Amino acid sequence: FNKSHPFVYTQCQAIHARSVFPCQDTPAVRIRYSASLNIPSHLS
């Protein structure tokens, strides 16, 4: 929209989480997680 900064987002349903991180990518396996995102400081 703003045309001034890049942007990235996920859409993991149905079986696309495996393209972001290795995993047992089935809804039969439920996980808890923590994440540290190292990003450019002008972004959120």
Full PDB file with SEQRES, HELIX, SHEET, SSBOND, CRYST1, ORIGX, SCALE, CONECT and MASTER records, all heavy atoms in Angstrom:
SEQRES   1 A   44  PHE ASN LYS SER HIS PRO PHE VAL TYR THR GLN CYS GLN          
SEQRES   2 A   44  ALA ILE HIS ALA ARG SER VAL PHE PRO CYS GLN ASP THR          
SEQRES   3 A   44  PRO ALA VAL ARG ILE ARG TYR SER ALA SER LEU ASN ILE          
SEQRES   4 A   44  PRO SER HIS LEU SER                                          
HELIX    1 AA1 ALA A   17  SER A   19  5                                   3    
CRYST1    1.000    1.000    1.000  90.00  90.00  90.00 P 1           1          
ORIGX1      1.000000  0.000000  0.000000        0.00000                         
ORIGX2      0.000000  1.000000  0.000000        0.00000                         
ORIGX3      0.000000  0.000000  1.000000        0.00000                         
SCALE1      1.000000  0.000000  0.000000        0.00000                         
SCALE2      0.000000  1.000000  0.000000        0.00000                         
SCALE3      0.000000  0.000000  1.000000        0.00000                         
ATOM      1  N   PHE A   1       0.830  -1.207   0.000  1.00  0.00           N  
ATOM      2  CA  PHE A   1       0.000   0.000   0.000  1.00  0.00           C  
ATOM      3  C   PHE A   1       0.867   1.262   0.000  1.00  0.00           C  
ATOM      4  O   PHE A   1       0.640   2.193  -0.757  1.00  0.00           O  
ATOM      5  CB  PHE A   1      -0.909   0.013   1.240  1.00  0.00           C  
ATOM      6  CG  PHE A   1      -2.153  -0.810   1.104  1.00  0.00           C  
ATOM      7  CD1 PHE A   1      -2.364  -1.895   1.947  1.00  0.00           C  
ATOM      8  CD2 PHE A   1      -3.111  -0.509   0.160  1.00  0.00           C  
ATOM      9  CE1 PHE A   1      -3.510  -2.655   1.831  1.00  0.00           C  
ATOM     10  CE2 PHE A   1      -4.259  -1.266   0.040  1.00  0.00           C  
ATOM     11  CZ  PHE A   1      -4.469  -2.343   0.884  1.00  0.00           C  
ATOM     12  N   ASN A   2       1.857   1.271   0.892  1.00  0.00           N  
ATOM     13  CA  ASN A   2       2.640   2.493   1.109  1.00  0.00           C  
ATOM     14  C   ASN A   2       3.733   2.697   0.071  1.00  0.00           C  
ATOM     15  O   ASN A   2       4.241   3.802  -0.092  1.00  0.00           O  
ATOM     16  CB  ASN A   2       3.249   2.473   2.511  1.00  0.00           C  
ATOM     17  CG  ASN A   2       3.295   3.843   3.130  1.00  0.00           C  
ATOM     18  OD1 ASN A   2       2.575   4.751   2.707  1.00  0.00           O  
ATOM     19  ND2 ASN A   2       4.127   4.019   4.130  1.00  0.00           N  
ATOM     20  N   LYS A   3       4.137   1.587  -0.584  1.00  0.00           N  
ATOM     21  CA  LYS A   3       5.097   1.614  -1.681  1.00  0.00           C  
ATOM     22  C   LYS A   3       6.468   2.175  -1.287  1.00  0.00           C  
ATOM     23  O   LYS A   3       7.189   2.706  -2.126  1.00  0.00           O  
ATOM     24  CB  LYS A   3       4.525   2.392  -2.879  1.00  0.00           C  
ATOM     25  CG  LYS A   3       3.168   1.864  -3.330  1.00  0.00           C  
ATOM     26  CD  LYS A   3       2.734   2.407  -4.662  1.00  0.00           C  
ATOM     27  CE  LYS A   3       1.338   1.915  -5.031  1.00  0.00           C  
ATOM     28  NZ  LYS A   3       1.227   0.456  -5.038  1.00  0.00           N  
ATOM     29  N   SER A   4       6.805   2.029  -0.011  1.00  0.00           N  
ATOM     30  CA  SER A   4       8.094   2.553   0.430  1.00  0.00           C  
ATOM     31  C   SER A   4       8.967   1.502   1.109  1.00  0.00           C  
ATOM     32  O   SER A   4      10.180   1.700   1.229  1.00  0.00           O  
ATOM     33  CB  SER A   4       7.897   3.734   1.383  1.00  0.00           C  
ATOM     34  OG  SER A   4       7.086   3.376   2.482  1.00  0.00           O  
ATOM     35  N   HIS A   5       8.386   0.401   1.586  1.00  0.00           N  
ATOM     36  CA  HIS A   5       9.164  -0.628   2.277  1.00  0.00           C  
ATOM     37  C   HIS A   5       8.723  -2.012   1.823  1.00  0.00           C  
ATOM     38  O   HIS A   5       7.560  -2.211   1.443  1.00  0.00           O  
ATOM     39  CB  HIS A   5       8.979  -0.522   3.792  1.00  0.00           C  
ATOM     40  CG  HIS A   5       9.494   0.756   4.375  1.00  0.00           C  
ATOM     41  ND1 HIS A   5      10.829   1.043   4.462  1.00  0.00           N  
ATOM     42  CD2 HIS A   5       8.838   1.833   4.889  1.00  0.00           C  
ATOM     43  CE1 HIS A   5      10.995   2.234   5.010  1.00  0.00           C  
ATOM     44  NE2 HIS A   5       9.794   2.740   5.278  1.00  0.00           N  
ATOM     45  N   PRO A   6       9.608  -2.999   1.877  1.00  0.00           N  
ATOM     46  CA  PRO A   6       9.213  -4.374   1.518  1.00  0.00           C  
ATOM     47  C   PRO A   6       8.321  -4.974   2.603  1.00  0.00           C  
ATOM     48  O   PRO A   6       8.178  -4.428   3.698  1.00  0.00           O  
ATOM     49  CB  PRO A   6      10.547  -5.105   1.420  1.00  0.00           C  
ATOM     50  CG  PRO A   6      11.444  -4.361   2.360  1.00  0.00           C  
ATOM     51  CD  PRO A   6      11.025  -2.915   2.272  1.00  0.00           C  
ATOM     52  N   PHE A   7       7.763  -6.125   2.278  1.00  0.00           N  
ATOM     53  CA  PHE A   7       6.805  -6.784   3.180  1.00  0.00           C  
ATOM     54  C   PHE A   7       6.911  -8.280   2.924  1.00  0.00           C  
ATOM     55  O   PHE A   7       7.132  -8.712   1.789  1.00  0.00           O  
ATOM     56  CB  PHE A   7       5.384  -6.297   2.863  1.00  0.00           C  
ATOM     57  CG  PHE A   7       4.369  -6.469   3.956  1.00  0.00           C  
ATOM     58  CD1 PHE A   7       3.960  -5.387   4.724  1.00  0.00           C  
ATOM     59  CD2 PHE A   7       3.798  -7.706   4.222  1.00  0.00           C  
ATOM     60  CE1 PHE A   7       3.006  -5.523   5.725  1.00  0.00           C  
ATOM     61  CE2 PHE A   7       2.859  -7.869   5.224  1.00  0.00           C  
ATOM     62  CZ  PHE A   7       2.452  -6.761   5.977  1.00  0.00           C  
ATOM     63  N   VAL A   8       6.749  -9.086   3.963  1.00  0.00           N  
ATOM     64  CA  VAL A   8       6.678 -10.540   3.787  1.00  0.00           C  
ATOM     65  C   VAL A   8       5.648 -11.092   4.763  1.00  0.00           C  
ATOM     66  O   VAL A   8       5.504 -10.575   5.881  1.00  0.00           O  
ATOM     67  CB  VAL A   8       8.052 -11.225   4.004  1.00  0.00           C  
ATOM     68  CG1 VAL A   8       8.562 -11.035   5.423  1.00  0.00           C  
ATOM     69  CG2 VAL A   8       7.998 -12.706   3.653  1.00  0.00           C  
ATOM     70  N   TYR A   9       4.908 -12.096   4.319  1.00  0.00           N  
ATOM     71  CA  TYR A   9       3.935 -12.732   5.210  1.00  0.00           C  
ATOM     72  C   TYR A   9       3.796 -14.204   4.843  1.00  0.00           C  
ATOM     73  O   TYR A   9       4.176 -14.641   3.750  1.00  0.00           O  
ATOM     74  CB  TYR A   9       2.578 -12.027   5.151  1.00  0.00           C  
ATOM     75  CG  TYR A   9       1.845 -12.151   3.839  1.00  0.00           C  
ATOM     76  CD1 TYR A   9       0.958 -13.202   3.613  1.00  0.00           C  
ATOM     77  CD2 TYR A   9       2.025 -11.221   2.815  1.00  0.00           C  
ATOM     78  CE1 TYR A   9       0.281 -13.325   2.418  1.00  0.00           C  
ATOM     79  CE2 TYR A   9       1.340 -11.332   1.622  1.00  0.00           C  
ATOM     80  CZ  TYR A   9       0.477 -12.383   1.419  1.00  0.00           C  
ATOM     81  OH  TYR A   9      -0.192 -12.508   0.226  1.00  0.00           O  
ATOM     82  N   THR A  10       3.240 -14.969   5.778  1.00  0.00           N  
ATOM     83  CA  THR A  10       3.056 -16.407   5.601  1.00  0.00           C  
ATOM     84  C   THR A  10       1.602 -16.731   5.289  1.00  0.00           C  
ATOM     85  O   THR A  10       0.683 -16.000   5.659  1.00  0.00           O  
ATOM     86  CB  THR A  10       3.421 -17.170   6.878  1.00  0.00           C  
ATOM     87  OG1 THR A  10       2.640 -16.643   7.959  1.00  0.00           O  
ATOM     88  CG2 THR A  10       4.881 -17.044   7.213  1.00  0.00           C  
ATOM     89  N   GLN A  11       1.409 -17.848   4.614  1.00  0.00           N  
ATOM     90  CA  GLN A  11       0.108 -18.512   4.537  1.00  0.00           C  
ATOM     91  C   GLN A  11       0.407 -20.002   4.543  1.00  0.00           C  
ATOM     92  O   GLN A  11       0.753 -20.583   3.519  1.00  0.00           O  
ATOM     93  CB  GLN A  11      -0.680 -18.101   3.292  1.00  0.00           C  
ATOM     94  CG  GLN A  11      -1.990 -18.867   3.092  1.00  0.00           C  
ATOM     95  CD  GLN A  11      -2.890 -18.844   4.319  1.00  0.00           C  
ATOM     96  OE1 GLN A  11      -3.073 -17.815   4.945  1.00  0.00           O  
ATOM     97  NE2 GLN A  11      -3.437 -19.992   4.675  1.00  0.00           N  
ATOM     98  N   CYS A  12       0.281 -20.635   5.723  1.00  0.00           N  
ATOM     99  CA  CYS A  12       0.752 -22.008   5.913  1.00  0.00           C  
ATOM    100  C   CYS A  12      -0.321 -23.069   5.694  1.00  0.00           C  
ATOM    101  O   CYS A  12       0.015 -24.250   5.561  1.00  0.00           O  
ATOM    102  CB  CYS A  12       1.359 -22.162   7.298  1.00  0.00           C  
ATOM    103  SG  CYS A  12       2.931 -21.279   7.492  1.00  0.00           S  
ATOM    104  N   GLN A  13      -1.591 -22.709   5.721  1.00  0.00           N  
ATOM    105  CA  GLN A  13      -2.622 -23.705   5.449  1.00  0.00           C  
ATOM    106  C   GLN A  13      -2.654 -23.985   3.946  1.00  0.00           C  
ATOM    107  O   GLN A  13      -2.545 -23.035   3.145  1.00  0.00           O  
ATOM    108  CB  GLN A  13      -3.985 -23.181   5.911  1.00  0.00           C  
ATOM    109  CG  GLN A  13      -5.052 -24.265   5.986  1.00  0.00           C  
ATOM    110  CD  GLN A  13      -6.387 -23.731   6.483  1.00  0.00           C  
ATOM    111  OE1 GLN A  13      -6.861 -22.686   6.043  1.00  0.00           O  
ATOM    112  NE2 GLN A  13      -7.004 -24.449   7.403  1.00  0.00           N  
ATOM    113  N   ALA A  14      -2.753 -25.246   3.472  1.00  0.00           N  
ATOM    114  CA  ALA A  14      -2.970 -26.402   4.291  1.00  0.00           C  
ATOM    115  C   ALA A  14      -1.654 -27.073   4.699  1.00  0.00           C  
ATOM    116  O   ALA A  14      -1.463 -27.472   5.840  1.00  0.00           O  
ATOM    117  CB  ALA A  14      -3.847 -27.387   3.534  1.00  0.00           C  
ATOM    118  N   ILE A  15      -0.693 -27.177   3.764  1.00  0.00           N  
ATOM    119  CA  ILE A  15       0.532 -27.944   4.044  1.00  0.00           C  
ATOM    120  C   ILE A  15       1.761 -27.148   3.607  1.00  0.00           C  
ATOM    121  O   ILE A  15       2.661 -27.680   2.945  1.00  0.00           O  
ATOM    122  CB  ILE A  15       0.493 -29.332   3.372  1.00  0.00           C  
ATOM    123  CG1 ILE A  15       0.237 -29.224   1.864  1.00  0.00           C  
ATOM    124  CG2 ILE A  15      -0.552 -30.214   4.026  1.00  0.00           C  
ATOM    125  CD1 ILE A  15       0.421 -30.549   1.109  1.00  0.00           C  
ATOM    126  N   HIS A  16       1.815 -25.882   4.002  1.00  0.00           N  
ATOM    127  CA  HIS A  16       2.910 -25.014   3.554  1.00  0.00           C  
ATOM    128  C   HIS A  16       3.853 -24.589   4.667  1.00  0.00           C  
ATOM    129  O   HIS A  16       4.854 -23.939   4.389  1.00  0.00           O  
ATOM    130  CB  HIS A  16       2.337 -23.783   2.854  1.00  0.00           C  
ATOM    131  CG  HIS A  16       1.494 -24.120   1.666  1.00  0.00           C  
ATOM    132  ND1 HIS A  16       2.036 -24.504   0.455  1.00  0.00           N  
ATOM    133  CD2 HIS A  16       0.147 -24.170   1.511  1.00  0.00           C  
ATOM    134  CE1 HIS A  16       1.052 -24.765  -0.396  1.00  0.00           C  
ATOM    135  NE2 HIS A  16      -0.100 -24.574   0.227  1.00  0.00           N  
ATOM    136  N   ALA A  17       3.566 -24.945   5.930  1.00  0.00           N  
ATOM    137  CA  ALA A  17       4.499 -24.608   7.007  1.00  0.00           C  
ATOM    138  C   ALA A  17       5.868 -25.221   6.733  1.00  0.00           C  
ATOM    139  O   ALA A  17       6.909 -24.644   7.076  1.00  0.00           O  
ATOM    140  CB  ALA A  17       3.952 -25.088   8.354  1.00  0.00           C  
ATOM    141  N   ARG A  18       5.889 -26.380   6.090  1.00  0.00           N  
ATOM    142  CA  ARG A  18       7.140 -27.092   5.789  1.00  0.00           C  
ATOM    143  C   ARG A  18       8.062 -26.301   4.872  1.00  0.00           C  
ATOM    144  O   ARG A  18       9.235 -26.654   4.727  1.00  0.00           O  
ATOM    145  CB  ARG A  18       6.814 -28.452   5.165  1.00  0.00           C  
ATOM    146  CG  ARG A  18       6.145 -28.377   3.807  1.00  0.00           C  
ATOM    147  CD  ARG A  18       5.550 -29.716   3.373  1.00  0.00           C  
ATOM    148  NE  ARG A  18       4.422 -30.095   4.226  1.00  0.00           N  
ATOM    149  CZ  ARG A  18       3.767 -31.246   4.112  1.00  0.00           C  
ATOM    150  NH1 ARG A  18       4.107 -32.117   3.167  1.00  0.00           N  
ATOM    151  NH2 ARG A  18       2.751 -31.517   4.914  1.00  0.00           N  
ATOM    152  N   SER A  19       7.559 -25.266   4.222  1.00  0.00           N  
ATOM    153  CA  SER A  19       8.426 -24.430   3.378  1.00  0.00           C  
ATOM    154  C   SER A  19       8.989 -23.239   4.151  1.00  0.00           C  
ATOM    155  O   SER A  19       9.753 -22.448   3.587  1.00  0.00           O  
ATOM    156  CB  SER A  19       7.664 -23.942   2.142  1.00  0.00           C  
ATOM    157  OG  SER A  19       6.641 -23.026   2.493  1.00  0.00           O  
ATOM    158  N   VAL A  20       8.626 -23.123   5.456  1.00  0.00           N  
ATOM    159  CA  VAL A  20       9.175 -22.077   6.327  1.00  0.00           C  
ATOM    160  C   VAL A  20      10.152 -22.681   7.334  1.00  0.00           C  
ATOM    161  O   VAL A  20      11.167 -22.089   7.664  1.00  0.00           O  
ATOM    162  CB  VAL A  20       8.050 -21.329   7.068  1.00  0.00           C  
ATOM    163  CG1 VAL A  20       8.617 -20.206   7.927  1.00  0.00           C  
ATOM    164  CG2 VAL A  20       7.022 -20.778   6.087  1.00  0.00           C  
ATOM    165  N   PHE A  21       9.841 -23.874   7.835  1.00  0.00           N  
ATOM    166  CA  PHE A  21      10.744 -24.579   8.749  1.00  0.00           C  
ATOM    167  C   PHE A  21      10.431 -26.071   8.671  1.00  0.00           C  
ATOM    168  O   PHE A  21       9.288 -26.460   8.395  1.00  0.00           O  
ATOM    169  CB  PHE A  21      10.603 -24.067  10.188  1.00  0.00           C  
ATOM    170  CG  PHE A  21       9.216 -24.200  10.778  1.00  0.00           C  
ATOM    171  CD1 PHE A  21       8.904 -25.229  11.654  1.00  0.00           C  
ATOM    172  CD2 PHE A  21       8.221 -23.274  10.475  1.00  0.00           C  
ATOM    173  CE1 PHE A  21       7.632 -25.354  12.211  1.00  0.00           C  
ATOM    174  CE2 PHE A  21       6.943 -23.378  11.023  1.00  0.00           C  
ATOM    175  CZ  PHE A  21       6.648 -24.425  11.889  1.00  0.00           C  
ATOM    176  N   PRO A  22      11.416 -26.941   8.900  1.00  0.00           N  
ATOM    177  CA  PRO A  22      11.127 -28.381   8.905  1.00  0.00           C  
ATOM    178  C   PRO A  22      10.168 -28.699  10.052  1.00  0.00           C  
ATOM    179  O   PRO A  22      10.269 -28.120  11.140  1.00  0.00           O  
ATOM    180  CB  PRO A  22      12.498 -29.021   9.146  1.00  0.00           C  
ATOM    181  CG  PRO A  22      13.497 -27.931   8.968  1.00  0.00           C  
ATOM    182  CD  PRO A  22      12.811 -26.644   9.248  1.00  0.00           C  
ATOM    183  N   CYS A  23       9.257 -29.601   9.823  1.00  0.00           N  
ATOM    184  CA  CYS A  23       8.303 -29.930  10.891  1.00  0.00           C  
ATOM    185  C   CYS A  23       7.533 -31.195  10.523  1.00  0.00           C  
ATOM    186  O   CYS A  23       7.552 -31.638   9.374  1.00  0.00           O  
ATOM    187  CB  CYS A  23       7.323 -28.783  11.140  1.00  0.00           C  
ATOM    188  SG  CYS A  23       6.372 -28.250   9.696  1.00  0.00           S  
ATOM    189  N   GLN A  24       6.861 -31.746  11.516  1.00  0.00           N  
ATOM    190  CA  GLN A  24       5.858 -32.777  11.263  1.00  0.00           C  
ATOM    191  C   GLN A  24       4.597 -32.014  10.847  1.00  0.00           C  
ATOM    192  O   GLN A  24       3.760 -31.656  11.663  1.00  0.00           O  
ATOM    193  CB  GLN A  24       5.643 -33.618  12.524  1.00  0.00           C  
ATOM    194  CG  GLN A  24       6.855 -34.468  12.902  1.00  0.00           C  
ATOM    195  CD  GLN A  24       6.699 -35.128  14.270  1.00  0.00           C  
ATOM    196  OE1 GLN A  24       6.364 -34.473  15.258  1.00  0.00           O  
ATOM    197  NE2 GLN A  24       6.957 -36.438  14.331  1.00  0.00           N  
ATOM    198  N   ASP A  25       4.511 -31.743   9.559  1.00  0.00           N  
ATOM    199  CA  ASP A  25       3.515 -30.779   9.052  1.00  0.00           C  
ATOM    200  C   ASP A  25       2.164 -31.470   8.841  1.00  0.00           C  
ATOM    201  O   ASP A  25       1.697 -31.652   7.718  1.00  0.00           O  
ATOM    202  CB  ASP A  25       4.011 -30.148   7.757  1.00  0.00           C  
ATOM    203  CG  ASP A  25       3.211 -28.912   7.360  1.00  0.00           C  
ATOM    204  OD1 ASP A  25       2.347 -28.494   8.149  1.00  0.00           O  
ATOM    205  OD2 ASP A  25       3.458 -28.370   6.269  1.00  0.00           O  
ATOM    206  N   THR A  26       1.566 -31.849   9.937  1.00  0.00           N  
ATOM    207  CA  THR A  26       0.236 -32.449   9.931  1.00  0.00           C  
ATOM    208  C   THR A  26      -0.537 -31.882  11.107  1.00  0.00           C  
ATOM    209  O   THR A  26       0.044 -31.690  12.194  1.00  0.00           O  
ATOM    210  CB  THR A  26       0.307 -33.986  10.041  1.00  0.00           C  
ATOM    211  OG1 THR A  26      -1.005 -34.496  10.340  1.00  0.00           O  
ATOM    212  CG2 THR A  26       1.264 -34.427  11.135  1.00  0.00           C  
ATOM    213  N   PRO A  27      -1.829 -31.620  10.945  1.00  0.00           N  
ATOM    214  CA  PRO A  27      -2.600 -31.109  12.091  1.00  0.00           C  
ATOM    215  C   PRO A  27      -2.753 -32.130  13.204  1.00  0.00           C  
ATOM    216  O   PRO A  27      -3.203 -31.778  14.296  1.00  0.00           O  
ATOM    217  CB  PRO A  27      -3.955 -30.745  11.467  1.00  0.00           C  
ATOM    218  CG  PRO A  27      -4.029 -31.497  10.188  1.00  0.00           C  
ATOM    219  CD  PRO A  27      -2.610 -31.627   9.698  1.00  0.00           C  
ATOM    220  N   ALA A  28      -2.358 -33.376  12.943  1.00  0.00           N  
ATOM    221  CA  ALA A  28      -2.406 -34.396  13.994  1.00  0.00           C  
ATOM    222  C   ALA A  28      -1.369 -34.133  15.080  1.00  0.00           C  
ATOM    223  O   ALA A  28      -1.490 -34.644  16.194  1.00  0.00           O  
ATOM    224  CB  ALA A  28      -2.195 -35.783  13.391  1.00  0.00           C  
ATOM    225  N   VAL A  29      -0.318 -33.360  14.750  1.00  0.00           N  
ATOM    226  CA  VAL A  29       0.745 -33.049  15.705  1.00  0.00           C  
ATOM    227  C   VAL A  29       0.653 -31.577  16.081  1.00  0.00           C  
ATOM    228  O   VAL A  29       0.860 -30.699  15.243  1.00  0.00           O  
ATOM    229  CB  VAL A  29       2.135 -33.365  15.119  1.00  0.00           C  
ATOM    230  CG1 VAL A  29       3.234 -32.939  16.090  1.00  0.00           C  
ATOM    231  CG2 VAL A  29       2.254 -34.850  14.808  1.00  0.00           C  
ATOM    232  N   ARG A  30       0.341 -31.306  17.322  1.00  0.00           N  
ATOM    233  CA  ARG A  30       0.218 -29.924  17.805  1.00  0.00           C  
ATOM    234  C   ARG A  30       1.506 -29.530  18.534  1.00  0.00           C  
ATOM    235  O   ARG A  30       2.055 -30.318  19.307  1.00  0.00           O  
ATOM    236  CB  ARG A  30      -0.982 -29.792  18.744  1.00  0.00           C  
ATOM    237  CG  ARG A  30      -2.300 -30.241  18.105  1.00  0.00           C  
ATOM    238  CD  ARG A  30      -3.450 -30.158  19.081  1.00  0.00           C  
ATOM    239  NE  ARG A  30      -3.846 -28.774  19.309  1.00  0.00           N  
ATOM    240  CZ  ARG A  30      -4.912 -28.184  18.729  1.00  0.00           C  
ATOM    241  NH1 ARG A  30      -5.682 -28.874  17.899  1.00  0.00           N  
ATOM    242  NH2 ARG A  30      -5.192 -26.929  18.990  1.00  0.00           N  
ATOM    243  N   ILE A  31       1.970 -28.316  18.273  1.00  0.00           N  
ATOM    244  CA  ILE A  31       3.244 -27.864  18.836  1.00  0.00           C  
ATOM    245  C   ILE A  31       3.076 -26.533  19.568  1.00  0.00           C  
ATOM    246  O   ILE A  31       2.205 -25.732  19.258  1.00  0.00           O  
ATOM    247  CB  ILE A  31       4.316 -27.684  17.738  1.00  0.00           C  
ATOM    248  CG1 ILE A  31       3.817 -26.697  16.658  1.00  0.00           C  
ATOM    249  CG2 ILE A  31       4.705 -29.026  17.133  1.00  0.00           C  
ATOM    250  CD1 ILE A  31       4.892 -26.273  15.676  1.00  0.00           C  
ATOM    251  N   ARG A  32       3.919 -26.333  20.566  1.00  0.00           N  
ATOM    252  CA  ARG A  32       4.157 -25.011  21.127  1.00  0.00           C  
ATOM    253  C   ARG A  32       5.454 -24.498  20.502  1.00  0.00           C  
ATOM    254  O   ARG A  32       6.307 -25.293  20.090  1.00  0.00           O  
ATOM    255  CB  ARG A  32       4.286 -25.081  22.643  1.00  0.00           C  
ATOM    256  CG  ARG A  32       3.005 -25.494  23.362  1.00  0.00           C  
ATOM    257  CD  ARG A  32       3.239 -25.616  24.866  1.00  0.00           C  
ATOM    258  NE  ARG A  32       2.000 -25.847  25.603  1.00  0.00           N  
ATOM    259  CZ  ARG A  32       1.466 -27.037  25.826  1.00  0.00           C  
ATOM    260  NH1 ARG A  32       2.077 -28.120  25.344  1.00  0.00           N  
ATOM    261  NH2 ARG A  32       0.344 -27.168  26.501  1.00  0.00           N  
ATOM    262  N   TYR A  33       5.614 -23.171  20.436  1.00  0.00           N  
ATOM    263  CA  TYR A  33       6.847 -22.668  19.844  1.00  0.00           C  
ATOM    264  C   TYR A  33       7.227 -21.312  20.410  1.00  0.00           C  
ATOM    265  O   TYR A  33       6.410 -20.590  20.991  1.00  0.00           O  
ATOM    266  CB  TYR A  33       6.732 -22.588  18.311  1.00  0.00           C  
ATOM    267  CG  TYR A  33       5.726 -21.595  17.775  1.00  0.00           C  
ATOM    268  CD1 TYR A  33       6.065 -20.248  17.597  1.00  0.00           C  
ATOM    269  CD2 TYR A  33       4.444 -21.997  17.398  1.00  0.00           C  
ATOM    270  CE1 TYR A  33       5.152 -19.338  17.087  1.00  0.00           C  
ATOM    271  CE2 TYR A  33       3.531 -21.094  16.888  1.00  0.00           C  
ATOM    272  CZ  TYR A  33       3.880 -19.767  16.730  1.00  0.00           C  
ATOM    273  OH  TYR A  33       2.991 -18.870  16.230  1.00  0.00           O  
ATOM    274  N   SER A  34       8.501 -20.996  20.268  1.00  0.00           N  
ATOM    275  CA  SER A  34       9.011 -19.653  20.509  1.00  0.00           C  
ATOM    276  C   SER A  34       9.748 -19.246  19.245  1.00  0.00           C  
ATOM    277  O   SER A  34      10.216 -20.100  18.475  1.00  0.00           O  
ATOM    278  CB  SER A  34       9.941 -19.617  21.720  1.00  0.00           C  
ATOM    279  OG  SER A  34      11.050 -20.474  21.532  1.00  0.00           O  
ATOM    280  N   ALA A  35       9.845 -17.932  19.018  1.00  0.00           N  
ATOM    281  CA  ALA A  35      10.478 -17.460  17.782  1.00  0.00           C  
ATOM    282  C   ALA A  35      11.176 -16.135  18.016  1.00  0.00           C  
ATOM    283  O   ALA A  35      10.617 -15.229  18.641  1.00  0.00           O  
ATOM    284  CB  ALA A  35       9.440 -17.327  16.665  1.00  0.00           C  
ATOM    285  N   SER A  36      12.414 -16.049  17.515  1.00  0.00           N  
ATOM    286  CA  SER A  36      13.169 -14.801  17.501  1.00  0.00           C  
ATOM    287  C   SER A  36      13.309 -14.372  16.050  1.00  0.00           C  
ATOM    288  O   SER A  36      13.923 -15.100  15.242  1.00  0.00           O  
ATOM    289  CB  SER A  36      14.551 -14.986  18.125  1.00  0.00           C  
ATOM    290  OG  SER A  36      14.449 -15.358  19.481  1.00  0.00           O  
ATOM    291  N   LEU A  37      12.733 -13.237  15.703  1.00  0.00           N  
ATOM    292  CA  LEU A  37      12.731 -12.740  14.331  1.00  0.00           C  
ATOM    293  C   LEU A  37      13.727 -11.600  14.214  1.00  0.00           C  
ATOM    294  O   LEU A  37      13.536 -10.527  14.810  1.00  0.00           O  
ATOM    295  CB  LEU A  37      11.334 -12.264  13.923  1.00  0.00           C  
ATOM    296  CG  LEU A  37      10.336 -13.329  13.451  1.00  0.00           C  
ATOM    297  CD1 LEU A  37      10.117 -14.408  14.482  1.00  0.00           C  
ATOM    298  CD2 LEU A  37       9.006 -12.672  13.070  1.00  0.00           C  
ATOM    299  N   ASN A  38      14.802 -11.818  13.468  1.00  0.00           N  
ATOM    300  CA  ASN A  38      15.825 -10.805  13.234  1.00  0.00           C  
ATOM    301  C   ASN A  38      15.484 -10.093  11.929  1.00  0.00           C  
ATOM    302  O   ASN A  38      15.566 -10.676  10.844  1.00  0.00           O  
ATOM    303  CB  ASN A  38      17.199 -11.478  13.168  1.00  0.00           C  
ATOM    304  CG  ASN A  38      18.335 -10.488  13.067  1.00  0.00           C  
ATOM    305  OD1 ASN A  38      18.311  -9.577  12.239  1.00  0.00           O  
ATOM    306  ND2 ASN A  38      19.351 -10.669  13.895  1.00  0.00           N  
ATOM    307  N   ILE A  39      15.112  -8.816  12.052  1.00  0.00           N  
ATOM    308  CA  ILE A  39      14.560  -8.080  10.909  1.00  0.00           C  
ATOM    309  C   ILE A  39      15.231  -6.713  10.792  1.00  0.00           C  
ATOM    310  O   ILE A  39      15.859  -6.238  11.738  1.00  0.00           O  
ATOM    311  CB  ILE A  39      13.032  -7.895  11.059  1.00  0.00           C  
ATOM    312  CG1 ILE A  39      12.714  -7.057  12.309  1.00  0.00           C  
ATOM    313  CG2 ILE A  39      12.338  -9.256  11.122  1.00  0.00           C  
ATOM    314  CD1 ILE A  39      11.236  -6.732  12.472  1.00  0.00           C  
ATOM    315  N   PRO A  40      15.103  -6.038   9.628  1.00  0.00           N  
ATOM    316  CA  PRO A  40      15.585  -4.660   9.537  1.00  0.00           C  
ATOM    317  C   PRO A  40      14.905  -3.787  10.581  1.00  0.00           C  
ATOM    318  O   PRO A  40      13.698  -3.909  10.820  1.00  0.00           O  
ATOM    319  CB  PRO A  40      15.192  -4.249   8.112  1.00  0.00           C  
ATOM    320  CG  PRO A  40      15.137  -5.538   7.357  1.00  0.00           C  
ATOM    321  CD  PRO A  40      14.609  -6.546   8.341  1.00  0.00           C  
ATOM    322  N   SER A  41      15.666  -2.900  11.203  1.00  0.00           N  
ATOM    323  CA  SER A  41      15.159  -2.153  12.354  1.00  0.00           C  
ATOM    324  C   SER A  41      14.067  -1.154  12.006  1.00  0.00           C  
ATOM    325  O   SER A  41      13.321  -0.718  12.886  1.00  0.00           O  
ATOM    326  CB  SER A  41      16.312  -1.432  13.060  1.00  0.00           C  
ATOM    327  OG  SER A  41      16.985  -0.566  12.160  1.00  0.00           O  
ATOM    328  N   HIS A  42      13.917  -0.784  10.726  1.00  0.00           N  
ATOM    329  CA  HIS A  42      12.854   0.152  10.363  1.00  0.00           C  
ATOM    330  C   HIS A  42      11.522  -0.563  10.116  1.00  0.00           C  
ATOM    331  O   HIS A  42      10.521   0.094   9.828  1.00  0.00           O  
ATOM    332  CB  HIS A  42      13.244   0.962   9.123  1.00  0.00           C  
ATOM    333  CG  HIS A  42      13.523   0.115   7.907  1.00  0.00           C  
ATOM    334  ND1 HIS A  42      14.734  -0.500   7.693  1.00  0.00           N  
ATOM    335  CD2 HIS A  42      12.751  -0.219   6.843  1.00  0.00           C  
ATOM    336  CE1 HIS A  42      14.701  -1.170   6.551  1.00  0.00           C  
ATOM    337  NE2 HIS A  42      13.502  -1.023   6.014  1.00  0.00           N  
ATOM    338  N   LEU A  43      11.514  -1.890  10.249  1.00  0.00           N  
ATOM    339  CA  LEU A  43      10.290  -2.669  10.072  1.00  0.00           C  
ATOM    340  C   LEU A  43       9.811  -3.215  11.410  1.00  0.00           C  
ATOM    341  O   LEU A  43      10.527  -3.171  12.409  1.00  0.00           O  
ATOM    342  CB  LEU A  43      10.531  -3.819   9.084  1.00  0.00           C  
ATOM    343  CG  LEU A  43      11.014  -3.428   7.688  1.00  0.00           C  
ATOM    344  CD1 LEU A  43      11.206  -4.670   6.821  1.00  0.00           C  
ATOM    345  CD2 LEU A  43      10.046  -2.449   7.016  1.00  0.00           C  
ATOM    346  N   SER A  44       8.596  -3.744  11.411  1.00  0.00           N  
ATOM    347  CA  SER A  44       8.015  -4.376  12.599  1.00  0.00           C  
ATOM    348  C   SER A  44       7.541  -5.768  12.244  1.00  0.00           C  
ATOM    349  O   SER A  44       7.322  -6.080  11.071  1.00  0.00           O  
ATOM    350  CB  SER A  44       6.827  -3.547  13.129  1.00  0.00           C  
ATOM    351  OG  SER A  44       7.229  -2.246  13.472  1.00  0.00           O  
TER     352      SER A  44                                                      
MASTER        0    0    0    1    0    0    0    6  351    1    0    4          
END                                                                             
